[in-house]
C-alpha atoms as a PDB file:
ATOM      1  CA  MET A   1      -8.049  11.855  -4.587  1.00  0.00           C
ATOM      2  CA  ALA A   2      -4.544  11.988  -3.104  1.00  0.00           C
ATOM      3  CA  ARG A   3      -5.127   8.784  -1.173  1.00  0.00           C
ATOM      4  CA  MET A   4      -6.254   6.991  -4.336  1.00  0.00           C
ATOM      5  CA  LEU A   5      -3.305   8.266  -6.394  1.00  0.00           C
ATOM      6  CA  ALA A   6      -0.742   7.363  -3.727  1.00  0.00           C
ATOM      7  CA  ASP A   7      -2.257   3.891  -3.461  1.00  0.00           C
ATOM      8  CA  ARG A   8      -2.158   3.490  -7.236  1.00  0.00           C
ATOM      9  CA  CYS A   9       1.526   4.522  -7.184  1.00  0.00           C
ATOM     10  CA  GLY A  10       2.242   1.665  -4.790  1.00  0.00           C
ATOM     11  CA  PHE A  11       2.789   3.691  -1.628  1.00  0.00           C
ATOM     12  CA  ALA A  12       2.568   1.857   1.699  1.00  0.00           C
ATOM     13  CA  LEU A  13      -0.249   2.766   4.111  1.00  0.00           C
ATOM     14  CA  ASP A  14       2.014   4.973   6.264  1.00  0.00           C
ATOM     15  CA  GLU A  15       3.254   6.804   3.159  1.00  0.00           C
ATOM     16  CA  ILE A  16      -0.318   7.360   1.973  1.00  0.00           C
ATOM     17  CA  ALA A  17      -1.114   8.866   5.382  1.00  0.00           C
ATOM     18  CA  GLU A  18       1.937  11.148   5.087  1.00  0.00           C
ATOM     19  CA  VAL A  19       0.821  12.336   1.636  1.00  0.00           C
ATOM     20  CA  THR A  20      -2.712  13.128   2.810  1.00  0.00           C
ATOM     21  CA  ASP A  21      -1.418  14.828   5.991  1.00  0.00           C
ATOM     22  CA  ALA A  22       0.980  16.926   3.900  1.00  0.00           C
ATOM     23  CA  ILE A  23      -1.833  17.991   1.574  1.00  0.00           C
ATOM     24  CA  ASP A  24      -3.934  18.985   4.596  1.00  0.00           C
ATOM     25  CA  GLU A  25      -1.049  21.098   5.967  1.00  0.00           C
ATOM     26  CA  VAL A  26      -0.439  22.773   2.603  1.00  0.00           C
ATOM     27  CA  GLY A  27      -4.143  23.541   2.260  1.00  0.00           C
ATOM     28  CA  ALA A  28      -4.231  25.095   5.731  1.00  0.00           C
ATOM     29  CA  MET A  29      -1.159  27.241   4.943  1.00  0.00           C
ATOM     30  CA  LEU A  30      -2.619  28.463   1.680  1.00  0.00           C
ATOM     31  CA  ILE A  31      -6.100  29.134   3.039  1.00  0.00           C
ATOM     32  CA  ASP A  32      -4.481  31.389   5.657  1.00  0.00           C
ATOM     33  CA  VAL A  33      -2.975  33.648   2.962  1.00  0.00           C
ATOM     34  CA  ALA A  34      -5.518  33.297   0.133  1.00  0.00           C
ATOM     35  CA  SER A  35      -7.333  36.358  -1.128  1.00  0.00           C
ATOM     36  CA  PHE A  36     -11.079  36.307  -0.551  1.00  0.00           C
ATOM     37  CA  GLY A  37     -12.694  34.131  -3.228  1.00  0.00           C
ATOM     38  CA  SER A  38      -9.408  32.692  -4.511  1.00  0.00           C
ATOM     39  CA  PRO A  39      -9.753  29.065  -5.545  1.00  0.00           C
ATOM     40  CA  LEU A  40      -7.239  26.526  -4.273  1.00  0.00           C
ATOM     41  CA  HIS A  41      -5.721  24.687  -7.235  1.00  0.00           C
ATOM     42  CA  CYS A  42      -4.014  21.373  -6.663  1.00  0.00           C
ATOM     43  CA  SER A  43      -2.226  19.138  -9.146  1.00  0.00           C
ATOM     44  CA  PHE A  44      -0.724  15.671  -8.835  1.00  0.00           C
ATOM     45  CA  VAL A  45       1.933  14.133 -11.057  1.00  0.00           C
ATOM     46  CA  GLU A  46       3.177  10.581 -10.736  1.00  0.00           C
ATOM     47  CA  MET A  47       6.902  10.325 -11.508  1.00  0.00           C
ATOM     48  CA  GLY A  48       7.923   6.673 -11.269  1.00  0.00           C
ATOM     49  CA  SER A  49       8.399   6.021  -7.565  1.00  0.00           C
ATOM     50  CA  ALA A  50       7.347   9.530  -6.527  1.00  0.00           C
ATOM     51  CA  LEU A  51       4.284  11.716  -6.333  1.00  0.00           C
ATOM     52  CA  PHE A  52       4.718  15.443  -7.023  1.00  0.00           C
ATOM     53  CA  VAL A  53       1.973  17.681  -5.615  1.00  0.00           C
ATOM     54  CA  THR A  54       1.574  21.414  -6.235  1.00  0.00           C
ATOM     55  CA  SER A  55      -1.041  23.710  -4.720  1.00  0.00           C
ATOM     56  CA  THR A  56      -1.665  27.350  -5.632  1.00  0.00           C
ATOM     57  CA  VAL A  57      -3.768  30.301  -4.448  1.00  0.00           C
ATOM     58  CA  THR A  58      -3.896  33.999  -5.228  1.00  0.00           C
ATOM     59  CA  SER A  59      -2.796  36.187  -2.332  1.00  0.00           C
ATOM     60  CA  HIS A  60      -2.288  39.859  -1.612  1.00  0.00           C
ATOM     61  CA  ARG A  61       0.220  39.216   1.146  1.00  0.00           C
ATOM     62  CA  GLY A  62       2.258  36.207   0.050  1.00  0.00           C
ATOM     63  CA  ILE A  63       3.612  33.611   2.426  1.00  0.00           C
ATOM     64  CA  ALA A  64       6.660  33.395   4.665  1.00  0.00           C
ATOM     65  CA  ARG A  65       9.434  31.173   3.328  1.00  0.00           C
ATOM     66  CA  HIS A  66       9.583  29.106   6.511  1.00  0.00           C
ATOM     67  CA  PRO A  67       6.234  29.633   8.248  1.00  0.00           C
ATOM     68  CA  GLY A  68       6.922  27.982  11.576  1.00  0.00           C
ATOM     69  CA  ALA A  69       5.461  24.736  12.833  1.00  0.00           C
ATOM     70  CA  ARG A  70       3.523  23.887   9.667  1.00  0.00           C
ATOM     71  CA  TRP A  71       6.706  24.120   7.630  1.00  0.00           C
ATOM     72  CA  ARG A  72       8.510  21.738  10.004  1.00  0.00           C
ATOM     73  CA  VAL A  73       5.598  19.296   9.830  1.00  0.00           C
ATOM     74  CA  LEU A  74       5.745  19.415   6.018  1.00  0.00           C
ATOM     75  CA  GLU A  75       9.493  18.842   6.051  1.00  0.00           C
ATOM     76  CA  ALA A  76       8.944  15.741   8.202  1.00  0.00           C
ATOM     77  CA  LEU A  77       6.157  14.383   5.983  1.00  0.00           C
ATOM     78  CA  THR A  78       7.762  14.969   2.575  1.00  0.00           C
ATOM     79  CA  ASP A  79      11.043  14.329   0.781  1.00  0.00           C
ATOM     80  CA  ARG A  80      11.317  17.660  -1.039  1.00  0.00           C
ATOM     81  CA  LEU A  81       9.462  20.882  -0.337  1.00  0.00           C
ATOM     82  CA  LEU A  82       9.205  24.092  -2.356  1.00  0.00           C
ATOM     83  CA  ILE A  83       7.439  27.337  -1.686  1.00  0.00           C
ATOM     84  CA  THR A  84       7.417  30.309  -4.012  1.00  0.00           C
ATOM     85  CA  ASP A  85       5.266  33.208  -5.053  1.00  0.00           C
ATOM     86  CA  LEU A  86       4.965  34.688  -8.513  1.00  0.00           C
ATOM     87  CA  LEU A  87       3.529  37.951  -9.747  1.00  0.00           C
ATOM     88  CA  GLY A  88      -0.228  37.653 -10.156  1.00  0.00           C
ATOM     89  CA  GLU A  89      -2.416  38.913 -12.966  1.00  0.00           C
ATOM     90  CA  SER A  90      -3.581  42.008 -11.044  1.00  0.00           C
ATOM     91  CA  GLU A  91      -1.420  44.592  -9.323  1.00  0.00           C
ATOM     92  CA  GLY A  92      -0.556  43.611  -5.774  1.00  0.00           C
ATOM     93  CA  GLU A  93      -1.502  39.969  -6.298  1.00  0.00           C
ATOM     94  CA  ARG A  94       0.828  37.021  -5.925  1.00  0.00           C
ATOM     95  CA  GLU A  95       0.351  33.435  -7.010  1.00  0.00           C
ATOM     96  CA  VAL A  96       1.558  31.448  -4.003  1.00  0.00           C
ATOM     97  CA  VAL A  97       2.740  27.941  -4.891  1.00  0.00           C
ATOM     98  CA  VAL A  98       3.621  25.158  -2.472  1.00  0.00           C
ATOM     99  CA  GLY A  99       4.928  21.928  -3.929  1.00  0.00           C
ATOM    100  CA  PHE A 100       6.263  18.728  -2.482  1.00  0.00           C
ATOM    101  CA  VAL A 101       7.617  15.376  -3.580  1.00  0.00           C
ATOM    102  CA  LYS A 102       6.947  12.171  -1.703  1.00  0.00           C
ATOM    103  CA  HIS A 103       8.944   9.075  -2.680  1.00  0.00           C
ATOM    104  CA  ARG A 104       7.999   5.497  -1.930  1.00  0.00           C
ATOM    105  CA  HIS A 105      10.263   4.065   0.792  1.00  0.00           C
ATOM    106  CA  GLY A 106      13.535   2.829  -0.592  1.00  0.00           C
ATOM    107  CA  PHE A 107      13.365   4.976  -3.753  1.00  0.00           C
ATOM    108  CA  ILE A 108      14.839   8.341  -2.661  1.00  0.00           C
END
């Protein structure tokens, strides 16, 4: 899905690879902290020359703000990166959200 959307937005092949690699890294980060049975939600929004991607899971332990090597990989692959957690619906739960923006080259 991400590959198709990035292509439709006019991203170059290397940028499409960066988007799909970033989504893989985000998914791996979120799976590590997700509560058992929590679905992984992912949304994509095209904003002119950019693609904004957000991914969310429910977690009982949250996520570190700068979780090591994966975070550095995401910083290298994306143009903007956000991580936050919000109070969940049940006590002790957090909604962990990781979002990133990837611009087409020359449009930052």
